[in-house]
């Protein structure tokens, strides 16, 4: 590749950049679950603990199950995956700390109906992707044939 003219190296890099970018894209989708545990943290003045650090620990395990922050209304929700007394720690970083033991039993783990949100898929349909692949193959073949004919004309 070092012996190639600068134009051909640039053309090859341009083709590789154009090929690789859209091919690995994927869509996303979301679900809305009901039946989780929602904690609201407040000071004794009834002011909410906005954006306080939250740590959730499952029963009998040293690792944190989930960490995050409360929302502006002092709420934090999570979906436990087992029974027992879960430890919830809310710390505002200014010396106020709330520790709660949340008992989870099989009845509280029952989820409500699950709804699936709208899916944002890749904008290209399968036939368009196939056509694009064929066009890329023909484009690369055309560039290679042009390069080979140009090289042959120089001899």
N, C-alpha and C. Protein backbone atom coordinates (compact mmCIF):
# COMPACT_ATOMS: atom_id res chain seq x y z
N UNK A 1 0.83 -1.19 0.00
CA UNK A 1 0.00 0.00 0.00
C UNK A 1 0.87 1.26 0.00
N UNK A 2 2.12 1.13 0.45
CA UNK A 2 3.01 2.29 0.44
C UNK A 2 3.35 2.73 -0.97
N UNK A 3 3.34 1.78 -1.93
CA UNK A 3 3.68 2.10 -3.31
C UNK A 3 2.50 2.67 -4.08
N UNK A 4 1.33 2.63 -3.50
CA UNK A 4 0.15 3.15 -4.19
C UNK A 4 0.22 4.66 -4.26
N UNK A 5 -0.32 5.24 -5.33
CA UNK A 5 -0.40 6.71 -5.39
C UNK A 5 -1.30 7.23 -4.28
N UNK A 6 -1.08 8.46 -3.92
CA UNK A 6 -1.81 9.09 -2.82
C UNK A 6 -3.31 9.09 -3.08
N UNK A 7 -3.72 9.27 -4.35
CA UNK A 7 -5.15 9.31 -4.69
C UNK A 7 -5.81 7.98 -4.39
N UNK A 8 -5.13 6.88 -4.73
CA UNK A 8 -5.72 5.56 -4.51
C UNK A 8 -5.84 5.24 -3.02
N UNK A 9 -4.86 5.63 -2.24
CA UNK A 9 -4.94 5.40 -0.80
C UNK A 9 -6.12 6.18 -0.21
N UNK A 10 -6.26 7.42 -0.64
CA UNK A 10 -7.37 8.24 -0.15
C UNK A 10 -8.71 7.63 -0.55
N UNK A 11 -8.80 7.16 -1.81
CA UNK A 11 -10.04 6.56 -2.30
C UNK A 11 -10.38 5.30 -1.50
N UNK A 12 -9.38 4.48 -1.21
CA UNK A 12 -9.61 3.27 -0.44
C UNK A 12 -10.08 3.60 0.98
N UNK A 13 -9.45 4.56 1.62
CA UNK A 13 -9.88 4.96 2.96
C UNK A 13 -11.28 5.54 2.96
N UNK A 14 -11.61 6.32 1.93
CA UNK A 14 -12.95 6.89 1.83
C UNK A 14 -13.99 5.78 1.67
N UNK A 15 -13.71 4.81 0.83
CA UNK A 15 -14.64 3.69 0.63
C UNK A 15 -14.83 2.91 1.93
N UNK A 16 -13.74 2.61 2.61
CA UNK A 16 -13.84 1.87 3.87
C UNK A 16 -14.63 2.65 4.91
N UNK A 17 -14.45 3.95 4.98
CA UNK A 17 -15.19 4.76 5.94
C UNK A 17 -16.68 4.77 5.63
N UNK A 18 -17.02 4.87 4.35
CA UNK A 18 -18.43 4.90 3.96
C UNK A 18 -19.10 3.55 4.16
N UNK A 19 -18.36 2.48 3.96
CA UNK A 19 -18.93 1.14 4.12
C UNK A 19 -19.19 0.82 5.58
N UNK A 20 -18.24 1.12 6.43
CA UNK A 20 -18.32 0.65 7.81
C UNK A 20 -19.29 1.43 8.67
N UNK A 21 -19.59 2.66 8.38
CA UNK A 21 -20.39 3.46 9.30
C UNK A 21 -21.84 3.02 9.44
N UNK A 22 -22.63 2.81 8.38
CA UNK A 22 -24.03 2.49 8.61
C UNK A 22 -24.33 1.02 8.82
N UNK A 23 -23.39 0.14 8.57
CA UNK A 23 -23.69 -1.28 8.60
C UNK A 23 -23.88 -1.84 10.01
N UNK A 24 -23.31 -1.22 11.01
CA UNK A 24 -23.38 -1.77 12.36
C UNK A 24 -24.43 -1.08 13.22
N UNK A 25 -25.28 -0.28 12.65
CA UNK A 25 -26.32 0.41 13.42
C UNK A 25 -27.43 -0.58 13.78
N UNK A 26 -28.10 -0.34 14.90
CA UNK A 26 -29.22 -1.18 15.31
C UNK A 26 -30.27 -0.30 15.96
N UNK A 27 -31.48 -0.82 16.04
CA UNK A 27 -32.58 -0.08 16.64
C UNK A 27 -32.64 -0.30 18.14
N UNK A 28 -33.51 0.43 18.78
CA UNK A 28 -33.73 0.29 20.22
C UNK A 28 -35.23 0.22 20.48
N UNK A 29 -35.59 -0.36 21.61
CA UNK A 29 -36.98 -0.38 22.02
C UNK A 29 -37.02 -0.35 23.54
N UNK A 30 -38.14 -0.01 24.10
CA UNK A 30 -38.26 0.08 25.54
C UNK A 30 -39.56 -0.54 26.02
N UNK A 31 -39.57 -0.91 27.28
CA UNK A 31 -40.78 -1.45 27.89
C UNK A 31 -41.10 -0.64 29.14
N UNK A 32 -42.34 -0.63 29.49
CA UNK A 32 -42.80 0.05 30.70
C UNK A 32 -43.34 -1.03 31.63
N UNK A 33 -42.67 -1.22 32.76
CA UNK A 33 -43.07 -2.23 33.72
C UNK A 33 -43.76 -1.56 34.91
N UNK A 34 -44.67 -2.29 35.50
CA UNK A 34 -45.32 -1.84 36.72
C UNK A 34 -44.97 -2.80 37.84
N UNK A 35 -44.96 -2.33 39.06
CA UNK A 35 -44.75 -3.22 40.18
C UNK A 35 -43.39 -3.12 40.82
N UNK A 36 -42.62 -2.11 40.48
CA UNK A 36 -41.33 -1.92 41.12
C UNK A 36 -41.49 -1.27 42.49
N UNK A 37 -40.38 -1.07 43.15
CA UNK A 37 -40.36 -0.41 44.46
C UNK A 37 -39.89 1.02 44.26
N UNK A 38 -40.64 1.95 44.78
CA UNK A 38 -40.29 3.37 44.64
C UNK A 38 -40.11 3.96 46.04
N UNK A 39 -38.94 4.56 46.26
CA UNK A 39 -38.60 5.18 47.54
C UNK A 39 -38.68 6.69 47.36
N UNK A 40 -39.27 7.39 48.33
CA UNK A 40 -39.25 8.85 48.34
C UNK A 40 -38.50 9.29 49.59
N UNK A 41 -37.43 10.05 49.38
CA UNK A 41 -36.59 10.51 50.50
C UNK A 41 -36.90 11.97 50.80
N UNK A 42 -37.15 12.26 52.08
CA UNK A 42 -37.48 13.62 52.52
C UNK A 42 -36.74 13.94 53.81
N UNK A 43 -36.50 15.22 54.00
CA UNK A 43 -36.00 15.68 55.30
C UNK A 43 -37.18 15.76 56.26
N UNK A 44 -36.91 15.96 57.54
CA UNK A 44 -38.01 16.03 58.51
C UNK A 44 -38.84 17.30 58.35
N UNK A 45 -38.39 18.23 57.51
CA UNK A 45 -39.17 19.45 57.21
C UNK A 45 -40.09 19.22 56.01
N UNK A 46 -40.17 17.98 55.54
CA UNK A 46 -40.94 17.58 54.36
C UNK A 46 -40.36 18.08 53.04
N UNK A 47 -39.15 18.63 53.08
CA UNK A 47 -38.47 19.00 51.84
C UNK A 47 -37.85 17.73 51.26
N UNK A 48 -37.97 17.56 49.96
CA UNK A 48 -37.47 16.34 49.34
C UNK A 48 -35.95 16.38 49.20
N UNK A 49 -35.34 15.20 49.22
CA UNK A 49 -33.89 15.07 49.04
C UNK A 49 -33.61 14.91 47.54
N UNK A 50 -33.58 16.02 46.84
CA UNK A 50 -33.38 16.00 45.38
C UNK A 50 -31.95 15.62 45.04
N UNK A 51 -31.82 14.75 44.05
CA UNK A 51 -30.53 14.36 43.46
C UNK A 51 -29.56 13.78 44.49
N UNK A 52 -30.08 13.12 45.51
CA UNK A 52 -29.23 12.48 46.52
C UNK A 52 -28.75 11.13 45.99
N UNK A 53 -27.57 10.72 46.42
CA UNK A 53 -26.99 9.44 45.99
C UNK A 53 -27.75 8.29 46.64
N UNK A 54 -28.07 7.27 45.84
CA UNK A 54 -28.83 6.11 46.32
C UNK A 54 -28.02 4.85 46.05
N UNK A 55 -27.98 3.96 47.06
CA UNK A 55 -27.35 2.66 46.92
C UNK A 55 -28.35 1.60 47.34
N UNK A 56 -28.56 0.60 46.51
CA UNK A 56 -29.46 -0.51 46.81
C UNK A 56 -28.62 -1.76 46.97
N UNK A 57 -28.79 -2.45 48.11
CA UNK A 57 -28.05 -3.69 48.37
C UNK A 57 -29.04 -4.84 48.59
N UNK A 58 -28.83 -5.96 47.91
CA UNK A 58 -29.72 -7.11 48.10
C UNK A 58 -29.41 -7.80 49.42
N UNK A 59 -30.33 -8.61 49.91
CA UNK A 59 -30.10 -9.31 51.18
C UNK A 59 -28.97 -10.33 51.05
N UNK A 60 -28.07 -10.30 52.04
CA UNK A 60 -27.01 -11.30 52.14
C UNK A 60 -25.89 -11.20 51.12
N UNK A 61 -25.83 -10.13 50.37
CA UNK A 61 -24.77 -10.00 49.38
C UNK A 61 -24.03 -8.69 49.62
N UNK A 62 -22.72 -8.71 49.45
CA UNK A 62 -21.92 -7.52 49.69
C UNK A 62 -21.90 -6.54 48.53
N UNK A 63 -22.24 -7.01 47.33
CA UNK A 63 -22.20 -6.14 46.16
C UNK A 63 -23.45 -5.26 46.08
N UNK A 64 -23.27 -4.08 45.52
CA UNK A 64 -24.42 -3.19 45.31
C UNK A 64 -25.25 -3.73 44.15
N UNK A 65 -26.56 -3.71 44.32
CA UNK A 65 -27.47 -4.13 43.26
C UNK A 65 -27.64 -3.01 42.25
N UNK A 66 -27.75 -1.78 42.77
CA UNK A 66 -27.98 -0.63 41.91
C UNK A 66 -27.54 0.62 42.63
N UNK A 67 -27.02 1.57 41.88
CA UNK A 67 -26.70 2.88 42.43
C UNK A 67 -27.26 3.93 41.49
N UNK A 68 -27.47 5.11 42.03
CA UNK A 68 -28.00 6.19 41.21
C UNK A 68 -28.29 7.40 42.06
N UNK A 69 -29.18 8.23 41.59
CA UNK A 69 -29.58 9.44 42.31
C UNK A 69 -31.09 9.57 42.28
N UNK A 70 -31.61 10.20 43.31
CA UNK A 70 -33.05 10.47 43.33
C UNK A 70 -33.35 11.53 42.27
N UNK A 71 -34.60 11.60 41.87
CA UNK A 71 -34.97 12.65 40.92
C UNK A 71 -35.22 13.96 41.67
N UNK A 72 -35.68 14.96 41.01
CA UNK A 72 -35.87 16.26 41.67
C UNK A 72 -36.97 16.23 42.73
N UNK A 73 -37.81 15.19 42.67
CA UNK A 73 -38.87 15.02 43.67
C UNK A 73 -38.46 14.07 44.79
N UNK A 74 -37.19 13.67 44.84
CA UNK A 74 -36.70 12.80 45.89
C UNK A 74 -37.05 11.34 45.72
N UNK A 75 -37.46 10.92 44.52
CA UNK A 75 -37.88 9.54 44.28
C UNK A 75 -36.79 8.74 43.60
N UNK A 76 -36.76 7.45 43.93
CA UNK A 76 -35.88 6.48 43.28
C UNK A 76 -36.62 5.17 43.20
N UNK A 77 -36.69 4.58 42.02
CA UNK A 77 -37.42 3.32 41.83
C UNK A 77 -36.46 2.23 41.38
N UNK A 78 -36.74 1.00 41.82
CA UNK A 78 -35.94 -0.14 41.40
C UNK A 78 -36.81 -1.38 41.36
N UNK A 79 -36.32 -2.40 40.66
CA UNK A 79 -37.02 -3.65 40.51
C UNK A 79 -36.18 -4.77 41.13
N UNK A 80 -36.46 -5.16 42.37
CA UNK A 80 -35.66 -6.22 43.01
C UNK A 80 -35.88 -7.55 42.31
N UNK A 81 -34.84 -8.39 42.34
CA UNK A 81 -34.94 -9.69 41.68
C UNK A 81 -34.90 -10.86 42.65
N UNK A 82 -35.18 -10.60 43.93
CA UNK A 82 -35.19 -11.67 44.92
C UNK A 82 -35.92 -11.26 46.18
N UNK A 83 -36.18 -12.23 47.04
CA UNK A 83 -36.89 -11.98 48.30
C UNK A 83 -35.92 -11.61 49.41
N UNK A 84 -36.45 -11.04 50.49
CA UNK A 84 -35.65 -10.72 51.66
C UNK A 84 -35.68 -9.23 51.97
N UNK A 85 -34.86 -8.83 52.93
CA UNK A 85 -34.79 -7.42 53.32
C UNK A 85 -33.70 -6.72 52.53
N UNK A 86 -34.11 -5.85 51.64
CA UNK A 86 -33.19 -5.08 50.82
C UNK A 86 -32.80 -3.81 51.56
N UNK A 87 -31.54 -3.42 51.45
CA UNK A 87 -31.06 -2.22 52.12
C UNK A 87 -31.01 -1.06 51.12
N UNK A 88 -31.67 0.03 51.49
CA UNK A 88 -31.67 1.24 50.66
C UNK A 88 -30.99 2.34 51.45
N UNK A 89 -29.96 2.94 50.88
CA UNK A 89 -29.22 4.02 51.53
C UNK A 89 -29.30 5.26 50.63
N UNK A 90 -29.81 6.35 51.21
CA UNK A 90 -29.90 7.62 50.49
C UNK A 90 -29.01 8.61 51.23
N UNK A 91 -28.06 9.21 50.53
CA UNK A 91 -27.10 10.13 51.13
C UNK A 91 -27.03 11.40 50.29
N UNK A 92 -27.29 12.54 50.91
CA UNK A 92 -27.29 13.79 50.16
C UNK A 92 -25.91 14.44 50.06
N UNK A 93 -24.90 13.85 50.70
CA UNK A 93 -23.56 14.37 50.62
C UNK A 93 -23.29 15.56 51.54
N UNK A 94 -24.28 15.95 52.33
CA UNK A 94 -24.12 17.08 53.26
C UNK A 94 -24.35 16.64 54.70
N UNK A 95 -24.21 15.33 54.94
CA UNK A 95 -24.35 14.82 56.29
C UNK A 95 -25.68 14.19 56.60
N UNK A 96 -26.62 14.23 55.69
CA UNK A 96 -27.93 13.59 55.89
C UNK A 96 -27.92 12.24 55.21
N UNK A 97 -28.32 11.22 55.96
CA UNK A 97 -28.30 9.85 55.43
C UNK A 97 -29.56 9.13 55.88
N UNK A 98 -30.23 8.52 54.93
CA UNK A 98 -31.43 7.74 55.20
C UNK A 98 -31.13 6.28 54.88
N UNK A 99 -31.36 5.39 55.85
CA UNK A 99 -31.17 3.96 55.64
C UNK A 99 -32.51 3.26 55.89
N UNK A 100 -32.95 2.51 54.90
CA UNK A 100 -34.23 1.80 55.00
C UNK A 100 -34.02 0.32 54.72
N UNK A 101 -34.76 -0.52 55.42
CA UNK A 101 -34.82 -1.95 55.11
C UNK A 101 -36.16 -2.17 54.42
N UNK A 102 -36.10 -2.62 53.18
CA UNK A 102 -37.32 -2.83 52.39
C UNK A 102 -37.57 -4.33 52.29
N UNK A 103 -38.62 -4.83 52.99
CA UNK A 103 -38.91 -6.26 52.91
C UNK A 103 -39.58 -6.59 51.57
N UNK A 104 -39.01 -7.57 50.88
CA UNK A 104 -39.56 -8.00 49.60
C UNK A 104 -40.01 -9.45 49.75
N UNK A 105 -41.28 -9.69 49.43
CA UNK A 105 -41.80 -11.05 49.44
C UNK A 105 -42.35 -11.36 48.05
N UNK A 106 -42.72 -12.61 47.79
CA UNK A 106 -43.19 -12.95 46.44
C UNK A 106 -44.38 -12.13 45.97
N UNK A 107 -45.22 -11.69 46.89
CA UNK A 107 -46.38 -10.88 46.49
C UNK A 107 -45.96 -9.50 45.99
N UNK A 108 -44.93 -8.94 46.60
CA UNK A 108 -44.52 -7.60 46.17
C UNK A 108 -43.71 -7.64 44.87
N UNK A 109 -43.25 -8.84 44.47
CA UNK A 109 -42.50 -8.95 43.22
C UNK A 109 -43.38 -9.15 42.00
N UNK A 110 -44.69 -9.27 42.20
CA UNK A 110 -45.61 -9.46 41.08
C UNK A 110 -45.64 -8.18 40.26
N UNK A 111 -45.30 -8.31 39.00
CA UNK A 111 -45.28 -7.16 38.12
C UNK A 111 -46.66 -6.97 37.51
N UNK A 112 -47.00 -5.76 37.24
CA UNK A 112 -48.26 -5.46 36.55
C UNK A 112 -48.12 -5.74 35.07
N UNK A 113 -49.05 -5.23 34.29
CA UNK A 113 -48.98 -5.47 32.86
C UNK A 113 -47.78 -4.75 32.26
N UNK A 114 -47.20 -5.37 31.29
CA UNK A 114 -46.03 -4.80 30.64
C UNK A 114 -46.45 -4.22 29.31
N UNK A 115 -46.04 -3.00 29.05
CA UNK A 115 -46.33 -2.37 27.78
C UNK A 115 -45.02 -2.11 27.06
N UNK A 116 -45.03 -2.31 25.78
CA UNK A 116 -43.84 -2.06 24.99
C UNK A 116 -43.98 -0.71 24.32
N UNK A 117 -42.94 0.10 24.47
CA UNK A 117 -42.95 1.43 23.86
C UNK A 117 -42.64 1.35 22.38
N UNK A 118 -42.73 2.48 21.70
CA UNK A 118 -42.44 2.48 20.27
C UNK A 118 -40.97 2.16 20.03
N UNK A 119 -40.74 1.45 18.97
CA UNK A 119 -39.39 1.04 18.63
C UNK A 119 -38.81 2.00 17.61
N UNK A 120 -37.59 2.42 17.83
CA UNK A 120 -36.91 3.24 16.83
C UNK A 120 -35.89 2.35 16.16
N UNK A 121 -36.23 1.88 15.02
CA UNK A 121 -35.38 0.95 14.28
C UNK A 121 -34.47 1.74 13.35
N UNK A 122 -33.52 1.02 12.82
CA UNK A 122 -32.66 1.62 11.82
C UNK A 122 -33.54 2.07 10.66
N UNK A 123 -33.27 3.23 10.10
CA UNK A 123 -34.13 3.82 9.09
C UNK A 123 -34.17 3.03 7.79
N UNK A 124 -33.21 2.17 7.55
CA UNK A 124 -33.16 1.43 6.29
C UNK A 124 -33.83 0.07 6.43
N UNK A 125 -34.70 -0.25 5.46
CA UNK A 125 -35.35 -1.56 5.47
C UNK A 125 -34.39 -2.61 4.90
N UNK A 126 -34.75 -3.88 5.04
CA UNK A 126 -33.89 -4.96 4.56
C UNK A 126 -33.65 -4.91 3.05
N UNK A 127 -34.69 -4.67 2.22
CA UNK A 127 -34.42 -4.58 0.77
C UNK A 127 -33.48 -3.41 0.42
N UNK A 128 -33.63 -2.30 1.12
CA UNK A 128 -32.75 -1.17 0.85
C UNK A 128 -31.32 -1.50 1.27
N UNK A 129 -31.16 -2.19 2.40
CA UNK A 129 -29.82 -2.60 2.83
C UNK A 129 -29.19 -3.55 1.83
N UNK A 130 -29.99 -4.49 1.29
CA UNK A 130 -29.47 -5.44 0.31
C UNK A 130 -29.05 -4.70 -0.97
N UNK A 131 -29.88 -3.78 -1.42
CA UNK A 131 -29.54 -2.99 -2.60
C UNK A 131 -28.28 -2.17 -2.36
N UNK A 132 -28.17 -1.61 -1.18
CA UNK A 132 -26.99 -0.83 -0.84
C UNK A 132 -25.74 -1.71 -0.84
N UNK A 133 -25.84 -2.93 -0.34
CA UNK A 133 -24.71 -3.85 -0.35
C UNK A 133 -24.28 -4.19 -1.76
N UNK A 134 -25.26 -4.46 -2.65
CA UNK A 134 -24.93 -4.76 -4.05
C UNK A 134 -24.26 -3.56 -4.70
N UNK A 135 -24.78 -2.36 -4.42
CA UNK A 135 -24.19 -1.14 -4.99
C UNK A 135 -22.76 -0.94 -4.49
N UNK A 136 -22.51 -1.24 -3.24
CA UNK A 136 -21.16 -1.10 -2.69
C UNK A 136 -20.22 -2.08 -3.36
N UNK A 137 -20.68 -3.31 -3.56
CA UNK A 137 -19.85 -4.31 -4.23
C UNK A 137 -19.52 -3.87 -5.66
N UNK A 138 -20.54 -3.41 -6.41
CA UNK A 138 -20.29 -2.92 -7.76
C UNK A 138 -19.39 -1.69 -7.75
N UNK A 139 -19.57 -0.82 -6.78
CA UNK A 139 -18.73 0.38 -6.69
C UNK A 139 -17.27 0.03 -6.44
N UNK A 140 -17.03 -0.89 -5.52
CA UNK A 140 -15.65 -1.30 -5.23
C UNK A 140 -15.05 -2.00 -6.44
N UNK A 141 -15.86 -2.88 -7.07
CA UNK A 141 -15.36 -3.57 -8.27
C UNK A 141 -15.03 -2.58 -9.36
N UNK A 142 -15.88 -1.59 -9.57
CA UNK A 142 -15.63 -0.56 -10.58
C UNK A 142 -14.35 0.22 -10.29
N UNK A 143 -14.16 0.57 -9.02
CA UNK A 143 -12.94 1.31 -8.64
C UNK A 143 -11.70 0.46 -8.88
N UNK A 144 -11.76 -0.83 -8.53
CA UNK A 144 -10.62 -1.71 -8.75
C UNK A 144 -10.33 -1.90 -10.24
N UNK A 145 -11.37 -2.11 -11.04
CA UNK A 145 -11.18 -2.26 -12.48
C UNK A 145 -10.62 -0.99 -13.10
N UNK A 146 -11.12 0.16 -12.67
CA UNK A 146 -10.59 1.43 -13.16
C UNK A 146 -9.13 1.58 -12.80
N UNK A 147 -8.79 1.23 -11.58
CA UNK A 147 -7.40 1.34 -11.12
C UNK A 147 -6.49 0.40 -11.91
N UNK A 148 -6.98 -0.84 -12.14
CA UNK A 148 -6.17 -1.80 -12.89
C UNK A 148 -6.00 -1.36 -14.35
N UNK A 149 -7.05 -0.81 -14.97
CA UNK A 149 -6.93 -0.35 -16.36
C UNK A 149 -6.01 0.87 -16.44
N UNK A 150 -6.04 1.73 -15.46
CA UNK A 150 -5.17 2.89 -15.44
C UNK A 150 -3.71 2.44 -15.28
N UNK A 151 -3.50 1.44 -14.47
CA UNK A 151 -2.15 0.91 -14.24
C UNK A 151 -1.64 0.23 -15.52
N UNK A 152 -2.55 -0.47 -16.25
CA UNK A 152 -2.18 -1.15 -17.49
C UNK A 152 -1.85 -0.13 -18.59
N UNK A 153 -2.59 1.00 -18.62
CA UNK A 153 -2.34 2.04 -19.62
C UNK A 153 -0.99 2.72 -19.40
N UNK A 154 -0.53 2.74 -18.17
CA UNK A 154 0.75 3.40 -17.87
C UNK A 154 1.92 2.56 -18.37
N UNK A 155 1.75 1.26 -18.57
CA UNK A 155 2.85 0.39 -19.01
C UNK A 155 3.09 0.48 -20.46
